[in-house]
Amino acid sequence: MGALVEARKAIADKLSEVGLNAHPSLPDYINTPMVLVTAGSPYVVPSDYYGNHKVAWNLIFLYESQSYEVVTDELDNMIETAILTLADEGYAVQSVNEPYTFEVGVEAYPAISMNITDNVRI
């Protein structure tokens, strides 16, 4: 398994350990609430650390369609859990973006994305 695959799966595993339904890729079936780990932009760039590369990840937090208040509160709780978990593991949280609608096929889900970075030896 390559270093990028391992790094992506490690993020999903760490988030799963704290109770978030995290996936290293888009599963065949969406079961919200969930977190998807996807490539960020730019995905891979040189790092300040010799032999490593700085890798950007985009975490997509999805929730089922409910009242705006419920969705907002639940997505905020998921974001806070992820920030605390990932910061403790040495990931750099770069930003959390505004809510949007994530579409898969004909389904639409309330979502928020978080951008993080990590140093990976490739």
PDB file of N, CA and C in Angstrom:
ATOM      1  N   MET A   1       0.856  -1.173   0.000  1.00  0.00           N
ATOM      2  CA  MET A   1       0.000   0.000   0.000  1.00  0.00           C
ATOM      3  C   MET A   1       0.903   1.238   0.000  1.00  0.00           C
ATOM      4  N   GLY A   2       0.550   2.212  -0.812  1.00  0.00           N
ATOM      5  CA  GLY A   2       1.342   3.424  -0.924  1.00  0.00           C
ATOM      6  C   GLY A   2       1.183   4.343   0.273  1.00  0.00           C
ATOM      7  N   ALA A   3       2.113   5.266   0.392  1.00  0.00           N
ATOM      8  CA  ALA A   3       2.129   6.192   1.533  1.00  0.00           C
ATOM      9  C   ALA A   3       0.888   7.075   1.571  1.00  0.00           C
ATOM     10  N   LEU A   4       0.408   7.530   0.414  1.00  0.00           N
ATOM     11  CA  LEU A   4      -0.783   8.389   0.404  1.00  0.00           C
ATOM     12  C   LEU A   4      -2.034   7.614   0.818  1.00  0.00           C
ATOM     13  N   VAL A   5      -2.144   6.379   0.351  1.00  0.00           N
ATOM     14  CA  VAL A   5      -3.282   5.540   0.743  1.00  0.00           C
ATOM     15  C   VAL A   5      -3.250   5.302   2.250  1.00  0.00           C
ATOM     16  N   GLU A   6      -2.079   4.968   2.770  1.00  0.00           N
ATOM     17  CA  GLU A   6      -1.947   4.735   4.207  1.00  0.00           C
ATOM     18  C   GLU A   6      -2.287   5.985   5.013  1.00  0.00           C
ATOM     19  N   ALA A   7      -1.824   7.142   4.541  1.00  0.00           N
ATOM     20  CA  ALA A   7      -2.084   8.394   5.256  1.00  0.00           C
ATOM     21  C   ALA A   7      -3.582   8.722   5.268  1.00  0.00           C
ATOM     22  N   ARG A   8      -4.250   8.517   4.131  1.00  0.00           N
ATOM     23  CA  ARG A   8      -5.688   8.782   4.047  1.00  0.00           C
ATOM     24  C   ARG A   8      -6.467   7.840   4.972  1.00  0.00           C
ATOM     25  N   LYS A   9      -6.102   6.568   4.967  1.00  0.00           N
ATOM     26  CA  LYS A   9      -6.781   5.592   5.830  1.00  0.00           C
ATOM     27  C   LYS A   9      -6.511   5.875   7.302  1.00  0.00           C
ATOM     28  N   ALA A  10      -5.322   6.361   7.625  1.00  0.00           N
ATOM     29  CA  ALA A  10      -4.985   6.677   9.017  1.00  0.00           C
ATOM     30  C   ALA A  10      -5.874   7.804   9.542  1.00  0.00           C
ATOM     31  N   ILE A  11      -6.147   8.803   8.716  1.00  0.00           N
ATOM     32  CA  ILE A  11      -7.031   9.891   9.141  1.00  0.00           C
ATOM     33  C   ILE A  11      -8.423   9.344   9.414  1.00  0.00           C
ATOM     34  N   ALA A  12      -8.944   8.542   8.498  1.00  0.00           N
ATOM     35  CA  ALA A  12     -10.278   7.962   8.697  1.00  0.00           C
ATOM     36  C   ALA A  12     -10.313   7.090   9.957  1.00  0.00           C
ATOM     37  N   ASP A  13      -9.261   6.318  10.190  1.00  0.00           N
ATOM     38  CA  ASP A  13      -9.206   5.457  11.384  1.00  0.00           C
ATOM     39  C   ASP A  13      -9.207   6.282  12.664  1.00  0.00           C
ATOM     40  N   LYS A  14      -8.433   7.364  12.689  1.00  0.00           N
ATOM     41  CA  LYS A  14      -8.368   8.207  13.898  1.00  0.00           C
ATOM     42  C   LYS A  14      -9.725   8.848  14.188  1.00  0.00           C
ATOM     43  N   LEU A  15     -10.409   9.294  13.148  1.00  0.00           N
ATOM     44  CA  LEU A  15     -11.732   9.893  13.352  1.00  0.00           C
ATOM     45  C   LEU A  15     -12.763   8.837  13.764  1.00  0.00           C
ATOM     46  N   SER A  16     -12.631   7.638  13.232  1.00  0.00           N
ATOM     47  CA  SER A  16     -13.542   6.546  13.614  1.00  0.00           C
ATOM     48  C   SER A  16     -13.356   6.161  15.077  1.00  0.00           C
ATOM     49  N   GLU A  17     -12.116   6.217  15.552  1.00  0.00           N
ATOM     50  CA  GLU A  17     -11.824   5.862  16.946  1.00  0.00           C
ATOM     51  C   GLU A  17     -12.545   6.757  17.940  1.00  0.00           C
ATOM     52  N   VAL A  18     -12.878   7.990  17.534  1.00  0.00           N
ATOM     53  CA  VAL A  18     -13.563   8.920  18.442  1.00  0.00           C
ATOM     54  C   VAL A  18     -15.059   8.996  18.137  1.00  0.00           C
ATOM     55  N   GLY A  19     -15.559   8.021  17.372  1.00  0.00           N
ATOM     56  CA  GLY A  19     -16.999   7.915  17.174  1.00  0.00           C
ATOM     57  C   GLY A  19     -17.562   8.544  15.914  1.00  0.00           C
ATOM     58  N   LEU A  20     -16.699   9.092  15.055  1.00  0.00           N
ATOM     59  CA  LEU A  20     -17.205   9.634  13.800  1.00  0.00           C
ATOM     60  C   LEU A  20     -17.232   8.522  12.744  1.00  0.00           C
ATOM     61  N   ASN A  21     -18.241   8.516  11.920  1.00  0.00           N
ATOM     62  CA  ASN A  21     -18.387   7.541  10.847  1.00  0.00           C
ATOM     63  C   ASN A  21     -17.543   8.023   9.675  1.00  0.00           C
ATOM     64  N   ALA A  22     -16.236   7.693   9.697  1.00  0.00           N
ATOM     65  CA  ALA A  22     -15.283   8.237   8.723  1.00  0.00           C
ATOM     66  C   ALA A  22     -14.906   7.188   7.684  1.00  0.00           C
ATOM     67  N   HIS A  23     -14.741   7.647   6.430  1.00  0.00           N
ATOM     68  CA  HIS A  23     -14.404   6.767   5.314  1.00  0.00           C
ATOM     69  C   HIS A  23     -13.247   7.365   4.517  1.00  0.00           C
ATOM     70  N   PRO A  24     -12.275   6.526   4.113  1.00  0.00           N
ATOM     71  CA  PRO A  24     -11.145   7.020   3.334  1.00  0.00           C
ATOM     72  C   PRO A  24     -11.483   7.272   1.865  1.00  0.00           C
ATOM     73  N   SER A  25     -12.697   6.954   1.465  1.00  0.00           N
ATOM     74  CA  SER A  25     -13.166   7.230   0.103  1.00  0.00           C
ATOM     75  C   SER A  25     -14.690   7.180   0.122  1.00  0.00           C
ATOM     76  N   LEU A  26     -15.302   7.605  -0.964  1.00  0.00           N
ATOM     77  CA  LEU A  26     -16.760   7.612  -1.044  1.00  0.00           C
ATOM     78  C   LEU A  26     -17.272   6.178  -1.074  1.00  0.00           C
ATOM     79  N   PRO A  27     -18.048   5.784  -0.067  1.00  0.00           N
ATOM     80  CA  PRO A  27     -18.567   4.401  -0.048  1.00  0.00           C
ATOM     81  C   PRO A  27     -19.695   4.231  -1.069  1.00  0.00           C
ATOM     82  N   ASP A  28     -20.055   2.992  -1.328  1.00  0.00           N
ATOM     83  CA  ASP A  28     -21.144   2.711  -2.270  1.00  0.00           C
ATOM     84  C   ASP A  28     -22.477   3.245  -1.757  1.00  0.00           C
ATOM     85  N   TYR A  29     -22.619   3.293  -0.427  1.00  0.00           N
ATOM     86  CA  TYR A  29     -23.870   3.746   0.178  1.00  0.00           C
ATOM     87  C   TYR A  29     -23.570   4.837   1.198  1.00  0.00           C
ATOM     88  N   ILE A  30     -24.250   5.952   1.101  1.00  0.00           N
ATOM     89  CA  ILE A  30     -24.066   7.048   2.049  1.00  0.00           C
ATOM     90  C   ILE A  30     -24.932   6.790   3.277  1.00  0.00           C
ATOM     91  N   ASN A  31     -24.285   6.707   4.438  1.00  0.00           N
ATOM     92  CA  ASN A  31     -24.978   6.505   5.701  1.00  0.00           C
ATOM     93  C   ASN A  31     -24.568   7.642   6.638  1.00  0.00           C
ATOM     94  N   THR A  32     -25.357   8.708   6.615  1.00  0.00           N
ATOM     95  CA  THR A  32     -25.021   9.887   7.420  1.00  0.00           C
ATOM     96  C   THR A  32     -25.421   9.684   8.868  1.00  0.00           C
ATOM     97  N   PRO A  33     -24.786  10.415   9.781  1.00  0.00           N
ATOM     98  CA  PRO A  33     -23.698  11.371   9.574  1.00  0.00           C
ATOM     99  C   PRO A  33     -22.400  10.646   9.237  1.00  0.00           C
ATOM    100  N   MET A  34     -21.587  11.298   8.427  1.00  0.00           N
ATOM    101  CA  MET A  34     -20.320  10.682   8.034  1.00  0.00           C
ATOM    102  C   MET A  34     -19.292  11.740   7.656  1.00  0.00           C
ATOM    103  N   VAL A  35     -18.036  11.278   7.605  1.00  0.00           N
ATOM    104  CA  VAL A  35     -16.914  12.114   7.187  1.00  0.00           C
ATOM    105  C   VAL A  35     -16.196  11.387   6.053  1.00  0.00           C
ATOM    106  N   LEU A  36     -15.962  12.097   4.960  1.00  0.00           N
ATOM    107  CA  LEU A  36     -15.196  11.549   3.846  1.00  0.00           C
ATOM    108  C   LEU A  36     -13.818  12.201   3.836  1.00  0.00           C
ATOM    109  N   VAL A  37     -12.784  11.411   3.629  1.00  0.00           N
ATOM    110  CA  VAL A  37     -11.418  11.929   3.524  1.00  0.00           C
ATOM    111  C   VAL A  37     -11.050  11.943   2.046  1.00  0.00           C
ATOM    112  N   THR A  38     -10.816  13.133   1.502  1.00  0.00           N
ATOM    113  CA  THR A  38     -10.499  13.270   0.086  1.00  0.00           C
ATOM    114  C   THR A  38      -9.234  14.115  -0.074  1.00  0.00           C
ATOM    115  N   ALA A  39      -8.702  14.134  -1.285  1.00  0.00           N
ATOM    116  CA  ALA A  39      -7.515  14.930  -1.579  1.00  0.00           C
ATOM    117  C   ALA A  39      -7.845  16.408  -1.523  1.00  0.00           C
ATOM    118  N   GLY A  40      -6.938  17.188  -0.942  1.00  0.00           N
ATOM    119  CA  GLY A  40      -7.082  18.636  -0.906  1.00  0.00           C
ATOM    120  C   GLY A  40      -6.412  19.255  -2.117  1.00  0.00           C
ATOM    121  N   SER A  41      -6.257  20.574  -2.068  1.00  0.00           N
ATOM    122  CA  SER A  41      -5.640  21.271  -3.188  1.00  0.00           C
ATOM    123  C   SER A  41      -4.726  22.382  -2.672  1.00  0.00           C
ATOM    124  N   PRO A  42      -3.483  22.461  -3.111  1.00  0.00           N
ATOM    125  CA  PRO A  42      -2.835  21.448  -3.930  1.00  0.00           C
ATOM    126  C   PRO A  42      -2.622  20.181  -3.102  1.00  0.00           C
ATOM    127  N   TYR A  43      -2.692  19.049  -3.753  1.00  0.00           N
ATOM    128  CA  TYR A  43      -2.678  17.764  -3.045  1.00  0.00           C
ATOM    129  C   TYR A  43      -1.319  17.463  -2.409  1.00  0.00           C
ATOM    130  N   VAL A  44      -0.261  17.486  -3.202  1.00  0.00           N
ATOM    131  CA  VAL A  44       1.077  17.154  -2.705  1.00  0.00           C
ATOM    132  C   VAL A  44       2.058  18.229  -3.163  1.00  0.00           C
ATOM    133  N   VAL A  45       2.788  18.789  -2.196  1.00  0.00           N
ATOM    134  CA  VAL A  45       3.813  19.792  -2.497  1.00  0.00           C
ATOM    135  C   VAL A  45       5.057  19.482  -1.658  1.00  0.00           C
ATOM    136  N   PRO A  46       6.203  20.073  -2.010  1.00  0.00           N
ATOM    137  CA  PRO A  46       7.403  19.859  -1.199  1.00  0.00           C
ATOM    138  C   PRO A  46       7.175  20.306   0.251  1.00  0.00           C
ATOM    139  N   SER A  47       7.832  19.632   1.144  1.00  0.00           N
ATOM    140  CA  SER A  47       7.732  19.943   2.570  1.00  0.00           C
ATOM    141  C   SER A  47       9.000  20.631   3.047  1.00  0.00           C
ATOM    142  N   ASP A  48       8.910  21.279   4.191  1.00  0.00           N
ATOM    143  CA  ASP A  48      10.085  21.862   4.821  1.00  0.00           C
ATOM    144  C   ASP A  48      10.962  20.787   5.475  1.00  0.00           C
ATOM    145  N   TYR A  49      10.415  19.572   5.592  1.00  0.00           N
ATOM    146  CA  TYR A  49      11.124  18.467   6.224  1.00  0.00           C
ATOM    147  C   TYR A  49      11.748  17.577   5.152  1.00  0.00           C
ATOM    148  N   TYR A  50      13.052  17.369   5.227  1.00  0.00           N
ATOM    149  CA  TYR A  50      13.768  16.584   4.230  1.00  0.00           C
ATOM    150  C   TYR A  50      13.134  15.197   4.054  1.00  0.00           C
ATOM    151  N   GLY A  51      12.897  14.827   2.810  1.00  0.00           N
ATOM    152  CA  GLY A  51      12.376  13.503   2.504  1.00  0.00           C
ATOM    153  C   GLY A  51      10.867  13.386   2.607  1.00  0.00           C
ATOM    154  N   ASN A  52      10.200  14.441   3.029  1.00  0.00           N
ATOM    155  CA  ASN A  52       8.748  14.407   3.180  1.00  0.00           C
ATOM    156  C   ASN A  52       8.081  15.318   2.160  1.00  0.00           C
ATOM    157  N   HIS A  53       6.792  15.144   2.048  1.00  0.00           N
ATOM    158  CA  HIS A  53       5.959  16.026   1.238  1.00  0.00           C
ATOM    159  C   HIS A  53       4.799  16.507   2.103  1.00  0.00           C
ATOM    160  N   LYS A  54       4.385  17.731   1.874  1.00  0.00           N
ATOM    161  CA  LYS A  54       3.216  18.265   2.559  1.00  0.00           C
ATOM    162  C   LYS A  54       1.994  17.834   1.753  1.00  0.00           C
ATOM    163  N   VAL A  55       1.074  17.156   2.419  1.00  0.00           N
ATOM    164  CA  VAL A  55      -0.118  16.622   1.755  1.00  0.00           C
ATOM    165  C   VAL A  55      -1.344  17.319   2.317  1.00  0.00           C
ATOM    166  N   ALA A  56      -2.187  17.803   1.418  1.00  0.00           N
ATOM    167  CA  ALA A  56      -3.428  18.473   1.818  1.00  0.00           C
ATOM    168  C   ALA A  56      -4.591  17.494   1.716  1.00  0.00           C
ATOM    169  N   TRP A  57      -5.421  17.515   2.729  1.00  0.00           N
ATOM    170  CA  TRP A  57      -6.613  16.659   2.775  1.00  0.00           C
ATOM    171  C   TRP A  57      -7.839  17.535   2.957  1.00  0.00           C
ATOM    172  N   ASN A  58      -8.915  17.126   2.331  1.00  0.00           N
ATOM    173  CA  ASN A  58     -10.204  17.786   2.478  1.00  0.00           C
ATOM    174  C   ASN A  58     -11.129  16.797   3.169  1.00  0.00           C
ATOM    175  N   LEU A  59     -11.614  17.159   4.337  1.00  0.00           N
ATOM    176  CA  LEU A  59     -12.566  16.311   5.054  1.00  0.00           C
ATOM    177  C   LEU A  59     -13.957  16.864   4.806  1.00  0.00           C
ATOM    178  N   ILE A  60     -14.853  16.027   4.330  1.00  0.00           N
ATOM    179  CA  ILE A  60     -16.218  16.448   4.040  1.00  0.00           C
ATOM    180  C   ILE A  60     -17.136  15.834   5.087  1.00  0.00           C
ATOM    181  N   PHE A  61     -17.781  16.693   5.853  1.00  0.00           N
ATOM    182  CA  PHE A  61     -18.697  16.278   6.913  1.00  0.00           C
ATOM    183  C   PHE A  61     -20.114  16.330   6.362  1.00  0.00           C
ATOM    184  N   LEU A  62     -20.811  15.198   6.372  1.00  0.00           N
ATOM    185  CA  LEU A  62     -22.164  15.113   5.836  1.00  0.00           C
ATOM    186  C   LEU A  62     -23.165  14.783   6.940  1.00  0.00           C
ATOM    187  N   TYR A  63     -24.346  15.354   6.813  1.00  0.00           N
ATOM    188  CA  TYR A  63     -25.423  15.056   7.765  1.00  0.00           C
ATOM    189  C   TYR A  63     -26.716  14.881   6.990  1.00  0.00           C
ATOM    190  N   GLU A  64     -27.673  14.200   7.569  1.00  0.00           N
ATOM    191  CA  GLU A  64     -28.946  14.017   6.881  1.00  0.00           C
ATOM    192  C   GLU A  64     -29.741  15.322   6.903  1.00  0.00           C
ATOM    193  N   SER A  65     -30.599  15.482   5.926  1.00  0.00           N
ATOM    194  CA  SER A  65     -31.415  16.697   5.848  1.00  0.00           C
ATOM    195  C   SER A  65     -32.428  16.718   6.990  1.00  0.00           C
ATOM    196  N   GLN A  66     -32.321  17.722   7.814  1.00  0.00           N
ATOM    197  CA  GLN A  66     -33.248  17.972   8.918  1.00  0.00           C
ATOM    198  C   GLN A  66     -33.397  19.474   9.033  1.00  0.00           C
ATOM    199  N   SER A  67     -33.906  19.917  10.164  1.00  0.00           N
ATOM    200  CA  SER A  67     -34.042  21.362  10.353  1.00  0.00           C
ATOM    201  C   SER A  67     -32.652  21.999  10.338  1.00  0.00           C
ATOM    202  N   TYR A  68     -32.608  23.239   9.918  1.00  0.00           N
ATOM    203  CA  TYR A  68     -31.335  23.950   9.832  1.00  0.00           C
ATOM    204  C   TYR A  68     -30.618  23.970  11.180  1.00  0.00           C
ATOM    205  N   GLU A  69     -31.374  24.163  12.259  1.00  0.00           N
ATOM    206  CA  GLU A  69     -30.775  24.220  13.598  1.00  0.00           C
ATOM    207  C   GLU A  69     -30.114  22.895  13.965  1.00  0.00           C
ATOM    208  N   VAL A  70     -30.804  21.791  13.719  1.00  0.00           N
ATOM    209  CA  VAL A  70     -30.249  20.471  14.045  1.00  0.00           C
ATOM    210  C   VAL A  70     -28.998  20.197  13.215  1.00  0.00           C
ATOM    211  N   VAL A  71     -29.088  20.454  11.920  1.00  0.00           N
ATOM    212  CA  VAL A  71     -27.950  20.205  11.033  1.00  0.00           C
ATOM    213  C   VAL A  71     -26.748  21.047  11.445  1.00  0.00           C
ATOM    214  N   THR A  72     -26.981  22.318  11.723  1.00  0.00           N
ATOM    215  CA  THR A  72     -25.894  23.213  12.116  1.00  0.00           C
ATOM    216  C   THR A  72     -25.229  22.740  13.393  1.00  0.00           C
ATOM    217  N   ASP A  73     -26.026  22.413  14.396  1.00  0.00           N
ATOM    218  CA  ASP A  73     -25.471  21.945  15.665  1.00  0.00           C
ATOM    219  C   ASP A  73     -24.677  20.651  15.498  1.00  0.00           C
ATOM    220  N   GLU A  74     -25.225  19.707  14.759  1.00  0.00           N
ATOM    221  CA  GLU A  74     -24.561  18.410  14.602  1.00  0.00           C
ATOM    222  C   GLU A  74     -23.276  18.524  13.783  1.00  0.00           C
ATOM    223  N   LEU A  75     -23.308  19.299  12.709  1.00  0.00           N
ATOM    224  CA  LEU A  75     -22.077  19.492  11.933  1.00  0.00           C
ATOM    225  C   LEU A  75     -21.012  20.203  12.764  1.00  0.00           C
ATOM    226  N   ASP A  76     -21.420  21.199  13.560  1.00  0.00           N
ATOM    227  CA  ASP A  76     -20.465  21.884  14.439  1.00  0.00           C
ATOM    228  C   ASP A  76     -19.851  20.913  15.447  1.00  0.00           C
ATOM    229  N   ASN A  77     -20.658  20.031  16.013  1.00  0.00           N
ATOM    230  CA  ASN A  77     -20.144  19.036  16.968  1.00  0.00           C
ATOM    231  C   ASN A  77     -19.141  18.098  16.295  1.00  0.00           C
ATOM    232  N   MET A  78     -19.451  17.676  15.070  1.00  0.00           N
ATOM    233  CA  MET A  78     -18.538  16.803  14.336  1.00  0.00           C
ATOM    234  C   MET A  78     -17.224  17.518  14.040  1.00  0.00           C
ATOM    235  N   ILE A  79     -17.316  18.778  13.623  1.00  0.00           N
ATOM    236  CA  ILE A  79     -16.121  19.573  13.322  1.00  0.00           C
ATOM    237  C   ILE A  79     -15.245  19.713  14.568  1.00  0.00           C
ATOM    238  N   GLU A  80     -15.857  20.048  15.700  1.00  0.00           N
ATOM    239  CA  GLU A  80     -15.091  20.219  16.943  1.00  0.00           C
ATOM    240  C   GLU A  80     -14.387  18.926  17.341  1.00  0.00           C
ATOM    241  N   THR A  81     -15.088  17.806  17.229  1.00  0.00           N
ATOM    242  CA  THR A  81     -14.476  16.509  17.557  1.00  0.00           C
ATOM    243  C   THR A  81     -13.275  16.246  16.654  1.00  0.00           C
ATOM    244  N   ALA A  82     -13.432  16.521  15.370  1.00  0.00           N
ATOM    245  CA  ALA A  82     -12.339  16.293  14.423  1.00  0.00           C
ATOM    246  C   ALA A  82     -11.158  17.214  14.699  1.00  0.00           C
ATOM    247  N   ILE A  83     -11.422  18.487  14.958  1.00  0.00           N
ATOM    248  CA  ILE A  83     -10.332  19.432  15.238  1.00  0.00           C
ATOM    249  C   ILE A  83      -9.524  18.971  16.443  1.00  0.00           C
ATOM    250  N   LEU A  84     -10.198  18.638  17.526  1.00  0.00           N
ATOM    251  CA  LEU A  84      -9.499  18.205  18.741  1.00  0.00           C
ATOM    252  C   LEU A  84      -8.704  16.928  18.502  1.00  0.00           C
ATOM    253  N   THR A  85      -9.301  15.975  17.804  1.00  0.00           N
ATOM    254  CA  THR A  85      -8.630  14.699  17.540  1.00  0.00           C
ATOM    255  C   THR A  85      -7.418  14.883  16.641  1.00  0.00           C
ATOM    256  N   LEU A  86      -7.597  15.600  15.553  1.00  0.00           N
ATOM    257  CA  LEU A  86      -6.507  15.736  14.583  1.00  0.00           C
ATOM    258  C   LEU A  86      -5.380  16.619  15.097  1.00  0.00           C
ATOM    259  N   ALA A  87      -5.708  17.660  15.848  1.00  0.00           N
ATOM    260  CA  ALA A  87      -4.661  18.516  16.425  1.00  0.00           C
ATOM    261  C   ALA A  87      -3.800  17.711  17.389  1.00  0.00           C
ATOM    262  N   ASP A  88      -4.431  16.846  18.183  1.00  0.00           N
ATOM    263  CA  ASP A  88      -3.683  15.994  19.113  1.00  0.00           C
ATOM    264  C   ASP A  88      -2.763  15.024  18.379  1.00  0.00           C
ATOM    265  N   GLU A  89      -3.106  14.680  17.144  1.00  0.00           N
ATOM    266  CA  GLU A  89      -2.313  13.734  16.353  1.00  0.00           C
ATOM    267  C   GLU A  89      -1.271  14.426  15.483  1.00  0.00           C
ATOM    268  N   GLY A  90      -1.189  15.765  15.551  1.00  0.00           N
ATOM    269  CA  GLY A  90      -0.162  16.491  14.818  1.00  0.00           C
ATOM    270  C   GLY A  90      -0.565  17.010  13.448  1.00  0.00           C
ATOM    271  N   TYR A  91      -1.832  16.862  13.079  1.00  0.00           N
ATOM    272  CA  TYR A  91      -2.297  17.414  11.804  1.00  0.00           C
ATOM    273  C   TYR A  91      -2.515  18.909  11.965  1.00  0.00           C
ATOM    274  N   ALA A  92      -2.297  19.661  10.894  1.00  0.00           N
ATOM    275  CA  ALA A  92      -2.520  21.106  10.920  1.00  0.00           C
ATOM    276  C   ALA A  92      -3.880  21.399  10.291  1.00  0.00           C
ATOM    277  N   VAL A  93      -4.795  21.926  11.100  1.00  0.00           N
ATOM    278  CA  VAL A  93      -6.100  22.319  10.580  1.00  0.00           C
ATOM    279  C   VAL A  93      -5.936  23.691   9.939  1.00  0.00           C
ATOM    280  N   GLN A  94      -6.149  23.761   8.632  1.00  0.00           N
ATOM    281  CA  GLN A  94      -5.947  24.999   7.883  1.00  0.00           C
ATOM    282  C   GLN A  94      -7.201  25.867   7.858  1.00  0.00           C
ATOM    283  N   SER A  95      -8.354  25.245   7.646  1.00  0.00           N
ATOM    284  CA  SER A  95      -9.594  26.018   7.561  1.00  0.00           C
ATOM    285  C   SER A  95     -10.806  25.106   7.644  1.00  0.00           C
ATOM    286  N   VAL A  96     -11.915  25.720   8.025  1.00  0.00           N
ATOM    287  CA  VAL A  96     -13.226  25.082   7.956  1.00  0.00           C
ATOM    288  C   VAL A  96     -14.072  26.026   7.114  1.00  0.00           C
ATOM    289  N   ASN A  97     -14.668  25.490   6.063  1.00  0.00           N
ATOM    290  CA  ASN A  97     -15.377  26.315   5.100  1.00  0.00           C
ATOM    291  C   ASN A  97     -16.866  26.422   5.419  1.00  0.00           C
ATOM    292  N   GLU A  98     -17.539  27.299   4.711  1.00  0.00           N
ATOM    293  CA  GLU A  98     -18.973  27.513   4.945  1.00  0.00           C
ATOM    294  C   GLU A  98     -19.776  26.289   4.504  1.00  0.00           C
ATOM    295  N   PRO A  99     -20.962  26.112   5.089  1.00  0.00           N
ATOM    296  CA  PRO A  99     -21.820  24.983   4.712  1.00  0.00           C
ATOM    297  C   PRO A  99     -22.220  25.044   3.234  1.00  0.00           C
ATOM    298  N   TYR A 100     -22.442  23.892   2.671  1.00  0.00           N
ATOM    299  CA  TYR A 100     -22.885  23.783   1.281  1.00  0.00           C
ATOM    300  C   TYR A 100     -23.681  22.492   1.124  1.00  0.00           C
ATOM    301  N   THR A 101     -24.152  22.213  -0.074  1.00  0.00           N
ATOM    302  CA  THR A 101     -24.884  20.990  -0.357  1.00  0.00           C
ATOM    303  C   THR A 101     -23.986  20.049  -1.144  1.00  0.00           C
ATOM    304  N   PHE A 102     -23.783  18.845  -0.618  1.00  0.00           N
ATOM    305  CA  PHE A 102     -22.971  17.813  -1.263  1.00  0.00           C
ATOM    306  C   PHE A 102     -23.930  16.888  -2.001  1.00  0.00           C
ATOM    307  N   GLU A 103     -23.714  16.718  -3.287  1.00  0.00           N
ATOM    308  CA  GLU A 103     -24.628  15.909  -4.089  1.00  0.00           C
ATOM    309  C   GLU A 103     -23.952  14.630  -4.565  1.00  0.00           C
ATOM    310  N   VAL A 104     -24.682  13.523  -4.416  1.00  0.00           N
ATOM    311  CA  VAL A 104     -24.252  12.222  -4.921  1.00  0.00           C
ATOM    312  C   VAL A 104     -25.450  11.649  -5.672  1.00  0.00           C
ATOM    313  N   GLY A 105     -25.319  11.529  -6.972  1.00  0.00           N
ATOM    314  CA  GLY A 105     -26.463  11.076  -7.770  1.00  0.00           C
ATOM    315  C   GLY A 105     -27.599  12.071  -7.633  1.00  0.00           C
ATOM    316  N   VAL A 106     -28.761  11.576  -7.198  1.00  0.00           N
ATOM    317  CA  VAL A 106     -29.928  12.446  -7.018  1.00  0.00           C
ATOM    318  C   VAL A 106     -30.095  12.886  -5.568  1.00  0.00           C
ATOM    319  N   GLU A 107     -29.218  12.422  -4.694  1.00  0.00           N
ATOM    320  CA  GLU A 107     -29.305  12.757  -3.275  1.00  0.00           C
ATOM    321  C   GLU A 107     -28.474  14.001  -2.969  1.00  0.00           C
ATOM    322  N   ALA A 108     -28.958  14.797  -2.009  1.00  0.00           N
ATOM    323  CA  ALA A 108     -28.241  16.000  -1.569  1.00  0.00           C
ATOM    324  C   ALA A 108     -28.146  15.984  -0.052  1.00  0.00           C
ATOM    325  N   TYR A 109     -26.969  16.340   0.468  1.00  0.00           N
ATOM    326  CA  TYR A 109     -26.715  16.304   1.903  1.00  0.00           C
ATOM    327  C   TYR A 109     -26.123  17.628   2.363  1.00  0.00           C
ATOM    328  N   PRO A 110     -26.565  18.125   3.522  1.00  0.00           N
ATOM    329  CA  PRO A 110     -25.892  19.292   4.103  1.00  0.00           C
ATOM    330  C   PRO A 110     -24.449  18.901   4.430  1.00  0.00           C
ATOM    331  N   ALA A 111     -23.506  19.804   4.157  1.00  0.00           N
ATOM    332  CA  ALA A 111     -22.097  19.459   4.335  1.00  0.00           C
ATOM    333  C   ALA A 111     -21.275  20.678   4.717  1.00  0.00           C
ATOM    334  N   ILE A 112     -20.137  20.386   5.326  1.00  0.00           N
ATOM    335  CA  ILE A 112     -19.095  21.379   5.607  1.00  0.00           C
ATOM    336  C   ILE A 112     -17.776  20.683   5.322  1.00  0.00           C
ATOM    337  N   SER A 113     -16.815  21.402   4.762  1.00  0.00           N
ATOM    338  CA  SER A 113     -15.504  20.796   4.532  1.00  0.00           C
ATOM    339  C   SER A 113     -14.442  21.465   5.395  1.00  0.00           C
ATOM    340  N   MET A 114     -13.475  20.660   5.777  1.00  0.00           N
ATOM    341  CA  MET A 114     -12.338  21.110   6.583  1.00  0.00           C
ATOM    342  C   MET A 114     -11.072  20.768   5.816  1.00  0.00           C
ATOM    343  N   ASN A 115     -10.145  21.710   5.767  1.00  0.00           N
ATOM    344  CA  ASN A 115      -8.866  21.484   5.093  1.00  0.00           C
ATOM    345  C   ASN A 115      -7.777  21.284   6.138  1.00  0.00           C
ATOM    346  N   ILE A 116      -7.050  20.171   5.997  1.00  0.00           N
ATOM    347  CA  ILE A 116      -5.953  19.872   6.911  1.00  0.00           C
ATOM    348  C   ILE A 116      -4.720  19.521   6.100  1.00  0.00           C
ATOM    349  N   THR A 117      -3.557  19.587   6.738  1.00  0.00           N
ATOM    350  CA  THR A 117      -2.317  19.154   6.080  1.00  0.00           C
ATOM    351  C   THR A 117      -1.529  18.238   7.005  1.00  0.00           C
ATOM    352  N   ASP A 118      -0.664  17.465   6.378  1.00  0.00           N
ATOM    353  CA  ASP A 118       0.182  16.525   7.094  1.00  0.00           C
ATOM    354  C   ASP A 118       1.485  16.381   6.306  1.00  0.00           C
ATOM    355  N   ASN A 119       2.530  15.967   6.957  1.00  0.00           N
ATOM    356  CA  ASN A 119       3.786  15.652   6.283  1.00  0.00           C
ATOM    357  C   ASN A 119       3.869  14.148   6.115  1.00  0.00           C
ATOM    358  N   VAL A 120       4.116  13.730   4.863  1.00  0.00           N
ATOM    359  CA  VAL A 120       4.132  12.302   4.527  1.00  0.00           C
ATOM    360  C   VAL A 120       5.435  11.994   3.790  1.00  0.00           C
ATOM    361  N   ARG A 121       6.053  10.906   4.180  1.00  0.00           N
ATOM    362  CA  ARG A 121       7.238  10.429   3.472  1.00  0.00           C
ATOM    363  C   ARG A 121       6.745   9.510   2.352  1.00  0.00           C
ATOM    364  N   ILE A 122       6.999   9.943   1.111  1.00  0.00           N
ATOM    365  CA  ILE A 122       6.525   9.165  -0.048  1.00  0.00           C
ATOM    366  C   ILE A 122       7.684   8.375  -0.631  1.00  0.00           C
TER     367      ILE A 122
END
